Protein backbone atom coordinates (compact mmCIF):
# COMPACT_ATOMS: atom_id res chain seq x y z
CA MET A 1 -26.86 26.99 -1.00
CA SER A 2 -26.52 26.11 -4.69
CA ASP A 3 -22.91 27.34 -4.57
CA GLN A 4 -22.07 24.65 -2.03
CA ALA A 5 -23.49 21.95 -4.31
CA ASN A 6 -20.51 22.44 -6.67
CA ASN A 7 -17.79 22.86 -4.05
CA PRO A 8 -15.00 20.34 -4.26
CA VAL A 9 -15.26 17.59 -1.65
CA PHE A 10 -12.41 15.43 -0.40
CA GLN A 11 -13.16 13.53 2.79
CA ILE A 12 -11.87 10.42 4.45
CA GLN A 13 -14.82 8.21 5.39
CA ARG A 14 -12.85 5.35 6.92
CA VAL A 15 -9.37 3.81 7.02
CA TYR A 16 -9.20 0.06 7.71
CA LEU A 17 -6.94 -2.99 7.45
CA LYS A 18 -8.60 -4.90 4.61
CA ASP A 19 -6.34 -7.98 4.52
CA ALA A 20 -3.34 -9.31 6.40
CA SER A 21 -1.52 -12.58 6.38
CA LEU A 22 1.64 -13.97 8.00
CA GLU A 23 3.36 -17.17 7.04
CA GLN A 24 6.34 -18.84 8.68
CA PRO A 25 6.59 -21.95 6.57
CA ASN A 26 10.04 -23.12 7.79
CA SER A 27 9.55 -22.48 11.51
CA PRO A 28 10.88 -23.48 13.97
CA GLY A 29 14.04 -24.74 12.25
CA ILE A 30 14.72 -21.53 10.29
CA LEU A 31 14.68 -19.56 13.53
CA LEU A 32 17.93 -21.25 14.56
CA GLU A 33 19.79 -19.96 11.48
CA GLN A 34 22.52 -17.47 12.33
CA GLU A 35 22.74 -15.95 8.83
CA GLN A 36 21.23 -12.51 8.24
CA PRO A 37 18.06 -12.86 6.14
CA SER A 38 17.51 -10.94 2.91
CA VAL A 39 14.40 -8.77 2.85
CA ASP A 40 12.29 -8.09 -0.27
CA ILE A 41 9.50 -5.49 -0.09
CA GLN A 42 6.90 -4.93 -2.86
CA LEU A 43 4.31 -2.17 -2.76
CA GLY A 44 1.19 -1.54 -4.82
CA VAL A 45 -1.65 0.99 -4.98
CA GLU A 46 -5.12 0.42 -6.40
CA ALA A 47 -8.23 2.61 -6.55
CA THR A 48 -11.74 1.30 -7.02
CA PRO A 49 -15.02 3.24 -7.38
CA VAL A 50 -17.54 2.07 -4.74
CA ALA A 51 -20.48 4.35 -5.40
CA GLU A 52 -21.11 7.75 -6.94
CA GLY A 53 -18.29 9.97 -5.58
CA ILE A 54 -17.06 7.28 -3.19
CA PHE A 55 -13.73 5.48 -3.85
CA GLU A 56 -11.72 2.81 -2.06
CA VAL A 57 -7.96 3.32 -2.32
CA ALA A 58 -5.77 0.48 -1.05
CA VAL A 59 -2.03 0.22 -0.52
CA THR A 60 -0.60 -3.30 -0.44
CA ALA A 61 2.75 -4.38 1.00
CA THR A 62 4.41 -7.75 0.64
CA VAL A 63 7.44 -8.32 2.86
CA GLN A 64 9.40 -11.56 2.39
CA THR A 65 12.53 -12.51 4.28
CA LYS A 66 14.73 -15.42 3.29
CA VAL A 67 17.82 -17.19 4.47
CA LYS A 68 19.44 -18.74 1.42
CA ASP A 69 16.40 -19.94 -0.58
CA ARG A 70 14.19 -20.68 2.47
CA THR A 71 11.45 -18.23 3.57
CA VAL A 72 11.77 -16.97 7.17
CA PHE A 73 8.47 -15.13 6.99
CA LEU A 74 6.10 -13.67 4.45
CA VAL A 75 3.74 -10.83 5.37
CA GLU A 76 1.11 -9.51 3.06
CA ALA A 77 -1.08 -6.62 4.14
CA LYS A 78 -3.59 -4.38 2.43
CA GLN A 79 -4.62 -1.11 4.09
CA ALA A 80 -7.55 0.67 2.55
CA GLY A 81 -9.41 3.90 2.88
CA ILE A 82 -12.84 5.00 1.72
CA PHE A 83 -12.82 8.52 0.35
CA GLU A 84 -15.60 10.82 -0.74
CA ILE A 85 -14.34 12.74 -3.74
CA ARG A 86 -16.78 15.02 -5.57
CA ASN A 87 -16.73 18.02 -7.88
CA ILE A 88 -13.03 17.62 -8.68
CA PRO A 89 -11.87 18.23 -12.22
CA GLU A 90 -11.30 14.92 -14.03
CA GLU A 91 -7.62 15.70 -14.72
CA GLN A 92 -7.07 15.97 -10.97
CA MET A 93 -8.68 12.64 -10.07
CA GLY A 94 -5.67 10.50 -11.02
CA PRO A 95 -3.22 12.42 -8.80
CA ILE A 96 -5.69 12.52 -5.92
CA MET A 97 -6.27 8.74 -6.02
CA GLY A 98 -2.66 7.91 -6.93
CA ILE A 99 -0.85 10.35 -4.59
CA ALA A 100 -3.05 12.05 -1.97
CA CYS A 101 -5.12 9.03 -0.88
CA PRO A 102 -2.17 6.60 -0.61
CA GLN A 103 -0.25 9.16 1.45
CA ILE A 104 -3.10 9.11 3.98
CA VAL A 105 -3.44 5.31 4.06
CA TYR A 106 0.25 4.35 3.99
CA PRO A 107 1.20 5.30 7.59
CA TYR A 108 -1.48 2.94 8.87
CA LEU A 109 -0.07 0.16 6.67
CA ARG A 110 3.48 0.80 7.94
CA GLY A 111 2.33 0.47 11.56
CA ASN A 112 0.29 -2.66 10.94
CA VAL A 113 3.10 -4.41 9.03
CA ALA A 114 5.68 -3.57 11.77
CA ASP A 115 3.24 -4.72 14.48
CA LEU A 116 2.40 -7.98 12.70
CA ILE A 117 6.06 -8.87 12.26
CA THR A 118 6.85 -7.97 15.88
CA ARG A 119 3.93 -10.11 17.14
CA ALA A 120 5.32 -12.99 15.08
CA GLY A 121 8.48 -12.83 17.18
CA PHE A 122 10.81 -10.99 14.79
CA PRO A 123 12.45 -7.60 14.89
CA PRO A 124 10.12 -5.15 13.20
CA VAL A 125 10.60 -4.31 9.50
CA HIS A 126 9.84 -0.61 9.08
CA LEU A 127 8.66 0.21 5.61
CA ALA A 128 10.45 3.22 4.23
CA GLU A 129 8.68 6.47 3.49
CA ILE A 130 7.34 6.45 -0.08
CA ASN A 131 7.20 9.31 -2.56
CA PHE A 132 3.79 8.51 -4.01
CA GLN A 133 4.11 11.37 -6.45
CA ALA A 134 7.28 9.83 -7.99
CA MET A 135 5.58 6.37 -8.01
CA TYR A 136 2.49 7.83 -9.72
CA GLU A 137 4.60 9.69 -12.30
CA GLN A 138 6.52 6.48 -13.12
CA GLN A 139 3.24 4.64 -13.68
CA GLN A 140 1.99 7.47 -15.90
CA GLN A 141 5.22 7.46 -17.90
CA ALA A 142 4.98 3.67 -18.33
CA GLN A 143 1.45 4.05 -19.71
CA VAL A 144 2.55 6.79 -22.12
CA GLU A 145 5.36 4.54 -23.35
CA GLY A 146 2.84 1.76 -23.93
CA GLN A 147 4.01 -0.50 -21.14
CA ALA A 148 1.58 -2.26 -18.89
CA PRO A 149 1.16 -0.16 -15.71
CA SER A 150 2.96 -1.79 -12.87
CA THR A 151 1.27 -1.55 -9.51
CA LEU A 152 4.01 -3.41 -7.65
CA LEU A 153 7.23 -1.48 -7.42
CA PRO A 154 10.27 -3.03 -5.74
CA GLN A 155 11.62 -1.25 -2.71
């Protein structure tokens, strides 16, 4: 029994939509525009300790479409997961919370963003697959080079 006390633990406790907003500040007029809108997508990842061995990892997406300089719609969504992570070597915690956890949460975020945009009356915007390992390594490299870590990476 004492052997199990030190076994590594990585479990998903819950995945949930923490925050979502949709704005259409220029509707209904902008909906009559024939021009193809530009789309800007920003993503971010954050990890927060909740209790001993319990962490919340959230992935945030901001999707903004514009025609000329006028916003068609702006969607911001934060999908989070609560993870139990215990008895993992400290050097592995960063990659687990920066790569493994976001990979679990992100598909839920993709679905919720596409659904929210569709329910707003627009064609869905499907967020691309993300290589969280590359994103994590870029952030680590930025920290090594003395730059402020950027949690929002342009798509």
